[in-house]
Amino acid sequence: MNKLIYPMLIATLISLFGCRSVDYVPSQDTIVYKLSDITITLTPLSQENLISSYGKNENPFINYPGRLPHKTFVVFDVEIRSQNTILESSRRNMELILENVVIRGENKESLTNAWNHYFSSDRQELHMKKTIRELLREDMFTITPDNPFQGLIVFLIPLKETSDALLRIPAKTSGGDEGIIEIPIKMLRFQNGELVMPEENSGIFNQ
């Protein structure tokens, strides 16, 4: 009996994961969100952008090999500016919500841990860890009028049948006030390089 179960299991896994390439890309080239004196600019980075900037074989932001469940990266180049307010925030405390599933932002420790079992060589491990340290070097950061935040925000997300997402950025002012900035994002879903059109009535953020 066992001789039959294992080939069937392997065949099932191949049919589920082996021939499917699915990516999510925010539909807007740039998202600008303003709240009081705070301006947040999000620039989604496609796989082509990421390969151009960080290479292909030693790039920690593409082609995540974990398959159970299959995951993909959503990466933003983010600028947060304030005219008067002093804000504190954290990469790890940021959240991307898809179909009521909450995905936390990656920092250098969490992203390194996510890759630890998948490095294909010592060279790849060395270079990828170096890239992660340099680009996600601080988790907590402070925004002042003279010191805006500029950097990458990275999410490693499970595949979901959705075209709507909600980005949540927690923030705390120097006066002790705390709040969450929520930014709705329309996502485009690609399967094997082809755009998958969402069904009508695709979500509460579809306007």
C-alpha atoms as a PDB file:
ATOM      1  CA  MET A   1       0.000   0.000   0.000  1.00  0.00           C
ATOM      2  CA  ASN A   2       2.795   2.441   0.895  1.00  0.00           C
ATOM      3  CA  LYS A   3       4.379   1.890  -2.491  1.00  0.00           C
ATOM      4  CA  LEU A   4       1.272   3.394  -4.087  1.00  0.00           C
ATOM      5  CA  ILE A   5       0.745   6.253  -1.661  1.00  0.00           C
ATOM      6  CA  TYR A   6       4.109   7.977  -2.101  1.00  0.00           C
ATOM      7  CA  PRO A   7       4.044   8.213  -5.932  1.00  0.00           C
ATOM      8  CA  MET A   8       0.469   9.485  -5.747  1.00  0.00           C
ATOM      9  CA  LEU A   9       1.484  12.106  -3.177  1.00  0.00           C
ATOM     10  CA  ILE A  10       4.444  13.229  -5.288  1.00  0.00           C
ATOM     11  CA  ALA A  11       2.263  13.441  -8.400  1.00  0.00           C
ATOM     12  CA  THR A  12      -0.309  15.494  -6.519  1.00  0.00           C
ATOM     13  CA  LEU A  13       2.330  17.949  -5.266  1.00  0.00           C
ATOM     14  CA  ILE A  14       3.748  18.335  -8.767  1.00  0.00           C
ATOM     15  CA  SER A  15       0.300  19.012 -10.186  1.00  0.00           C
ATOM     16  CA  LEU A  16      -0.380  21.594  -7.506  1.00  0.00           C
ATOM     17  CA  PHE A  17       2.934  23.440  -7.501  1.00  0.00           C
ATOM     18  CA  GLY A  18       5.246  22.294 -10.253  1.00  0.00           C
ATOM     19  CA  CYS A  19       3.612  24.018 -13.231  1.00  0.00           C
ATOM     20  CA  ARG A  20       2.144  27.089 -11.594  1.00  0.00           C
ATOM     21  CA  SER A  21       3.791  30.484 -11.556  1.00  0.00           C
ATOM     22  CA  VAL A  22       1.672  33.075  -9.767  1.00  0.00           C
ATOM     23  CA  ASP A  23       2.672  36.619  -8.853  1.00  0.00           C
ATOM     24  CA  TYR A  24       0.875  39.589  -7.350  1.00  0.00           C
ATOM     25  CA  VAL A  25       1.667  43.124  -8.503  1.00  0.00           C
ATOM     26  CA  PRO A  26      -0.060  46.308  -7.264  1.00  0.00           C
ATOM     27  CA  SER A  27      -1.919  47.865 -10.186  1.00  0.00           C
ATOM     28  CA  GLN A  28      -0.671  51.408  -9.525  1.00  0.00           C
ATOM     29  CA  ASP A  29       2.829  52.447 -10.595  1.00  0.00           C
ATOM     30  CA  THR A  30       3.011  54.785  -7.589  1.00  0.00           C
ATOM     31  CA  ILE A  31       0.643  55.162  -4.646  1.00  0.00           C
ATOM     32  CA  VAL A  32       0.625  58.505  -2.822  1.00  0.00           C
ATOM     33  CA  TYR A  33      -1.315  58.690   0.434  1.00  0.00           C
ATOM     34  CA  LYS A  34      -1.653  61.866   2.490  1.00  0.00           C
ATOM     35  CA  LEU A  35      -2.833  62.158   6.070  1.00  0.00           C
ATOM     36  CA  SER A  36      -2.602  65.562   7.761  1.00  0.00           C
ATOM     37  CA  ASP A  37       1.039  66.644   7.300  1.00  0.00           C
ATOM     38  CA  ILE A  38       2.248  63.114   6.503  1.00  0.00           C
ATOM     39  CA  THR A  39       2.853  61.927   2.934  1.00  0.00           C
ATOM     40  CA  ILE A  40       3.491  58.271   2.146  1.00  0.00           C
ATOM     41  CA  THR A  41       4.723  57.322  -1.326  1.00  0.00           C
ATOM     42  CA  LEU A  42       4.711  53.637  -2.271  1.00  0.00           C
ATOM     43  CA  THR A  43       6.421  52.447  -5.445  1.00  0.00           C
ATOM     44  CA  PRO A  44       5.756  48.737  -6.106  1.00  0.00           C
ATOM     45  CA  LEU A  45       8.826  46.918  -7.398  1.00  0.00           C
ATOM     46  CA  SER A  46       8.212  44.255 -10.036  1.00  0.00           C
ATOM     47  CA  GLN A  47      10.372  41.154 -10.365  1.00  0.00           C
ATOM     48  CA  GLU A  48      12.095  42.844 -13.309  1.00  0.00           C
ATOM     49  CA  ASN A  49      12.881  45.889 -11.132  1.00  0.00           C
ATOM     50  CA  LEU A  50      14.240  43.669  -8.373  1.00  0.00           C
ATOM     51  CA  ILE A  51      16.409  41.618 -10.730  1.00  0.00           C
ATOM     52  CA  SER A  52      17.767  44.791 -12.323  1.00  0.00           C
ATOM     53  CA  SER A  53      18.709  46.202  -8.913  1.00  0.00           C
ATOM     54  CA  TYR A  54      19.842  43.112  -6.988  1.00  0.00           C
ATOM     55  CA  GLY A  55      20.587  40.398  -9.541  1.00  0.00           C
ATOM     56  CA  LYS A  56      18.850  37.085 -10.165  1.00  0.00           C
ATOM     57  CA  ASN A  57      20.684  34.204  -8.493  1.00  0.00           C
ATOM     58  CA  GLU A  58      21.482  35.878  -5.158  1.00  0.00           C
ATOM     59  CA  ASN A  59      18.392  38.049  -4.790  1.00  0.00           C
ATOM     60  CA  PRO A  60      16.493  37.600  -1.475  1.00  0.00           C
ATOM     61  CA  PHE A  61      13.332  39.288  -2.838  1.00  0.00           C
ATOM     62  CA  ILE A  62      12.379  36.893  -5.663  1.00  0.00           C
ATOM     63  CA  ASN A  63      11.687  33.202  -6.278  1.00  0.00           C
ATOM     64  CA  TYR A  64      11.076  32.076  -2.718  1.00  0.00           C
ATOM     65  CA  PRO A  65      11.435  28.256  -2.880  1.00  0.00           C
ATOM     66  CA  GLY A  66       9.108  27.305  -0.022  1.00  0.00           C
ATOM     67  CA  ARG A  67       6.091  25.418  -1.383  1.00  0.00           C
ATOM     68  CA  LEU A  68       3.885  24.454   1.553  1.00  0.00           C
ATOM     69  CA  PRO A  69       2.243  26.887   1.232  1.00  0.00           C
ATOM     70  CA  HIS A  70       3.606  28.515  -1.913  1.00  0.00           C
ATOM     71  CA  LYS A  71       4.551  32.150  -1.232  1.00  0.00           C
ATOM     72  CA  THR A  72       5.634  35.129  -3.266  1.00  0.00           C
ATOM     73  CA  PHE A  73       7.141  38.542  -2.480  1.00  0.00           C
ATOM     74  CA  VAL A  74       5.436  41.923  -2.580  1.00  0.00           C
ATOM     75  CA  VAL A  75       8.060  44.680  -2.302  1.00  0.00           C
ATOM     76  CA  PHE A  76       7.582  48.436  -2.052  1.00  0.00           C
ATOM     77  CA  ASP A  77      10.099  51.244  -2.245  1.00  0.00           C
ATOM     78  CA  VAL A  78       8.660  53.529   0.419  1.00  0.00           C
ATOM     79  CA  GLU A  79       9.126  57.175   1.338  1.00  0.00           C
ATOM     80  CA  ILE A  80       7.407  58.630   4.407  1.00  0.00           C
ATOM     81  CA  ARG A  81       7.652  62.388   4.924  1.00  0.00           C
ATOM     82  CA  SER A  82       6.302  64.653   7.645  1.00  0.00           C
ATOM     83  CA  GLN A  83       6.112  68.443   7.669  1.00  0.00           C
ATOM     84  CA  ASN A  84       5.774  68.852  11.422  1.00  0.00           C
ATOM     85  CA  THR A  85       4.997  65.565  13.171  1.00  0.00           C
ATOM     86  CA  ILE A  86       7.660  63.258  14.618  1.00  0.00           C
ATOM     87  CA  LEU A  87       6.679  59.633  14.015  1.00  0.00           C
ATOM     88  CA  GLU A  88       8.013  56.223  14.993  1.00  0.00           C
ATOM     89  CA  SER A  89       7.193  53.038  13.112  1.00  0.00           C
ATOM     90  CA  SER A  90       8.533  49.547  12.437  1.00  0.00           C
ATOM     91  CA  ARG A  91       8.906  47.331   9.392  1.00  0.00           C
ATOM     92  CA  ARG A  92       7.974  44.206  11.329  1.00  0.00           C
ATOM     93  CA  ASN A  93       4.774  45.762  12.704  1.00  0.00           C
ATOM     94  CA  MET A  94       3.492  46.757   9.276  1.00  0.00           C
ATOM     95  CA  GLU A  95       0.794  44.475   7.909  1.00  0.00           C
ATOM     96  CA  LEU A  96      -0.621  43.524   4.529  1.00  0.00           C
ATOM     97  CA  ILE A  97      -4.115  42.040   4.733  1.00  0.00           C
ATOM     98  CA  LEU A  98      -5.334  39.648   2.028  1.00  0.00           C
ATOM     99  CA  GLU A  99      -8.671  37.841   2.408  1.00  0.00           C
ATOM    100  CA  ASN A 100      -8.603  38.499   6.158  1.00  0.00           C
ATOM    101  CA  VAL A 101      -5.138  36.925   6.408  1.00  0.00           C
ATOM    102  CA  VAL A 102      -2.653  39.246   8.104  1.00  0.00           C
ATOM    103  CA  ILE A 103       0.928  39.149   6.793  1.00  0.00           C
ATOM    104  CA  ARG A 104       3.564  40.969   8.812  1.00  0.00           C
ATOM    105  CA  GLY A 105       6.322  42.959   7.159  1.00  0.00           C
ATOM    106  CA  GLU A 106       9.775  41.405   7.029  1.00  0.00           C
ATOM    107  CA  ASN A 107      12.807  42.766   8.861  1.00  0.00           C
ATOM    108  CA  LYS A 108      16.378  41.540   8.514  1.00  0.00           C
ATOM    109  CA  GLU A 109      15.979  38.820  11.152  1.00  0.00           C
ATOM    110  CA  SER A 110      12.678  37.400   9.908  1.00  0.00           C
ATOM    111  CA  LEU A 111      13.661  37.426   6.222  1.00  0.00           C
ATOM    112  CA  THR A 112      17.012  35.788   6.980  1.00  0.00           C
ATOM    113  CA  ASN A 113      15.191  33.093   8.977  1.00  0.00           C
ATOM    114  CA  ALA A 114      12.748  32.545   6.107  1.00  0.00           C
ATOM    115  CA  TRP A 115      15.657  31.789   3.759  1.00  0.00           C
ATOM    116  CA  ASN A 116      17.819  29.771   6.167  1.00  0.00           C
ATOM    117  CA  HIS A 117      16.764  26.334   4.910  1.00  0.00           C
ATOM    118  CA  TYR A 118      16.886  27.234   1.208  1.00  0.00           C
ATOM    119  CA  PHE A 119      20.343  28.647   0.439  1.00  0.00           C
ATOM    120  CA  SER A 120      21.781  26.671  -2.473  1.00  0.00           C
ATOM    121  CA  SER A 121      25.448  27.486  -1.753  1.00  0.00           C
ATOM    122  CA  ASP A 122      27.718  29.264   0.709  1.00  0.00           C
ATOM    123  CA  ARG A 123      28.199  32.042  -1.843  1.00  0.00           C
ATOM    124  CA  GLN A 124      24.451  32.570  -2.210  1.00  0.00           C
ATOM    125  CA  GLU A 125      23.997  32.601   1.574  1.00  0.00           C
ATOM    126  CA  LEU A 126      26.806  35.146   2.025  1.00  0.00           C
ATOM    127  CA  HIS A 127      25.546  37.531  -0.645  1.00  0.00           C
ATOM    128  CA  MET A 128      21.856  37.271   0.200  1.00  0.00           C
ATOM    129  CA  LYS A 129      22.428  37.845   3.913  1.00  0.00           C
ATOM    130  CA  LYS A 130      24.586  40.859   3.071  1.00  0.00           C
ATOM    131  CA  THR A 131      21.837  42.312   0.851  1.00  0.00           C
ATOM    132  CA  ILE A 132      19.217  41.752   3.556  1.00  0.00           C
ATOM    133  CA  ARG A 133      21.391  43.433   6.230  1.00  0.00           C
ATOM    134  CA  GLU A 134      22.078  46.454   4.024  1.00  0.00           C
ATOM    135  CA  LEU A 135      18.530  47.035   2.772  1.00  0.00           C
ATOM    136  CA  LEU A 136      16.560  46.125   5.923  1.00  0.00           C
ATOM    137  CA  ARG A 137      19.172  47.344   8.359  1.00  0.00           C
ATOM    138  CA  GLU A 138      16.848  49.035  10.842  1.00  0.00           C
ATOM    139  CA  ASP A 139      13.506  47.665  11.992  1.00  0.00           C
ATOM    140  CA  MET A 140      12.378  50.632  14.089  1.00  0.00           C
ATOM    141  CA  PHE A 141      12.765  54.065  12.521  1.00  0.00           C
ATOM    142  CA  THR A 142      11.919  57.670  13.384  1.00  0.00           C
ATOM    143  CA  ILE A 143      10.557  60.191  10.883  1.00  0.00           C
ATOM    144  CA  THR A 144      11.107  63.918  11.405  1.00  0.00           C
ATOM    145  CA  PRO A 145      10.646  66.902   9.079  1.00  0.00           C
ATOM    146  CA  ASP A 146      14.410  66.812   8.400  1.00  0.00           C
ATOM    147  CA  ASN A 147      14.720  63.022   8.301  1.00  0.00           C
ATOM    148  CA  PRO A 148      12.151  61.191   6.115  1.00  0.00           C
ATOM    149  CA  PHE A 149      12.094  57.411   5.903  1.00  0.00           C
ATOM    150  CA  GLN A 150      13.301  55.938   2.615  1.00  0.00           C
ATOM    151  CA  GLY A 151      13.645  52.191   2.125  1.00  0.00           C
ATOM    152  CA  LEU A 152      12.154  48.857   1.176  1.00  0.00           C
ATOM    153  CA  ILE A 153       9.090  47.310   2.775  1.00  0.00           C
ATOM    154  CA  VAL A 154       8.914  43.570   2.080  1.00  0.00           C
ATOM    155  CA  PHE A 155       6.060  41.099   2.494  1.00  0.00           C
ATOM    156  CA  LEU A 156       6.237  37.346   1.898  1.00  0.00           C
ATOM    157  CA  ILE A 157       2.645  36.442   1.141  1.00  0.00           C
ATOM    158  CA  PRO A 158       0.725  33.198   0.548  1.00  0.00           C
ATOM    159  CA  LEU A 159      -1.129  32.969  -2.743  1.00  0.00           C
ATOM    160  CA  LYS A 160      -4.698  34.208  -2.410  1.00  0.00           C
ATOM    161  CA  GLU A 161      -7.613  34.463  -4.828  1.00  0.00           C
ATOM    162  CA  THR A 162      -8.047  38.185  -4.344  1.00  0.00           C
ATOM    163  CA  SER A 163      -7.489  41.509  -6.050  1.00  0.00           C
ATOM    164  CA  ASP A 164      -7.737  43.682  -2.948  1.00  0.00           C
ATOM    165  CA  ALA A 165      -5.247  44.305  -0.180  1.00  0.00           C
ATOM    166  CA  LEU A 166      -4.982  46.650   2.780  1.00  0.00           C
ATOM    167  CA  LEU A 167      -1.614  47.982   3.959  1.00  0.00           C
ATOM    168  CA  ARG A 168      -1.544  48.925   7.636  1.00  0.00           C
ATOM    169  CA  ILE A 169       1.270  51.107   8.987  1.00  0.00           C
ATOM    170  CA  PRO A 170       1.277  51.567  12.783  1.00  0.00           C
ATOM    171  CA  ALA A 171       2.742  54.842  13.978  1.00  0.00           C
ATOM    172  CA  LYS A 172       3.427  56.617  17.257  1.00  0.00           C
ATOM    173  CA  THR A 173       4.015  60.342  17.661  1.00  0.00           C
ATOM    174  CA  SER A 174       6.551  61.954  19.962  1.00  0.00           C
ATOM    175  CA  GLY A 175       3.600  63.059  22.099  1.00  0.00           C
ATOM    176  CA  GLY A 176       2.572  59.464  22.735  1.00  0.00           C
ATOM    177  CA  ASP A 177      -0.402  59.300  20.363  1.00  0.00           C
ATOM    178  CA  GLU A 178      -0.706  55.976  18.543  1.00  0.00           C
ATOM    179  CA  GLY A 179      -2.624  55.063  15.424  1.00  0.00           C
ATOM    180  CA  ILE A 180      -2.689  52.966  12.273  1.00  0.00           C
ATOM    181  CA  ILE A 181      -2.515  54.367   8.752  1.00  0.00           C
ATOM    182  CA  GLU A 182      -4.531  52.187   6.361  1.00  0.00           C
ATOM    183  CA  ILE A 183      -3.915  52.272   2.612  1.00  0.00           C
ATOM    184  CA  PRO A 184      -6.119  50.188   0.260  1.00  0.00           C
ATOM    185  CA  ILE A 185      -4.231  48.656  -2.653  1.00  0.00           C
ATOM    186  CA  LYS A 186      -5.592  47.053  -5.808  1.00  0.00           C
ATOM    187  CA  MET A 187      -3.563  43.982  -6.749  1.00  0.00           C
ATOM    188  CA  LEU A 188      -3.091  42.439 -10.182  1.00  0.00           C
ATOM    189  CA  ARG A 189      -2.691  38.668 -10.291  1.00  0.00           C
ATOM    190  CA  PHE A 190      -0.527  36.991 -12.918  1.00  0.00           C
ATOM    191  CA  GLN A 191      -0.476  33.247 -13.576  1.00  0.00           C
ATOM    192  CA  ASN A 192       2.253  31.882 -15.825  1.00  0.00           C
ATOM    193  CA  GLY A 193       2.876  35.428 -17.027  1.00  0.00           C
ATOM    194  CA  GLU A 194      -0.752  36.058 -18.002  1.00  0.00           C
ATOM    195  CA  LEU A 195      -2.983  38.591 -16.262  1.00  0.00           C
ATOM    196  CA  VAL A 196      -5.879  36.914 -14.434  1.00  0.00           C
ATOM    197  CA  MET A 197      -8.894  39.196 -14.557  1.00  0.00           C
ATOM    198  CA  PRO A 198     -10.798  39.466 -11.253  1.00  0.00           C
ATOM    199  CA  GLU A 199     -14.459  38.601 -11.103  1.00  0.00           C
ATOM    200  CA  GLU A 200     -16.990  41.406 -10.872  1.00  0.00           C
ATOM    201  CA  ASN A 201     -17.736  42.726  -7.392  1.00  0.00           C
ATOM    202  CA  SER A 202     -14.147  42.036  -6.421  1.00  0.00           C
ATOM    203  CA  GLY A 203     -14.051  43.592  -2.986  1.00  0.00           C
ATOM    204  CA  ILE A 204     -14.865  46.423  -0.639  1.00  0.00           C
ATOM    205  CA  PHE A 205     -11.973  48.555  -1.891  1.00  0.00           C
ATOM    206  CA  ASN A 206     -13.054  48.371  -5.559  1.00  0.00           C
ATOM    207  CA  GLN A 207     -14.331  51.830  -6.410  1.00  0.00           C
END
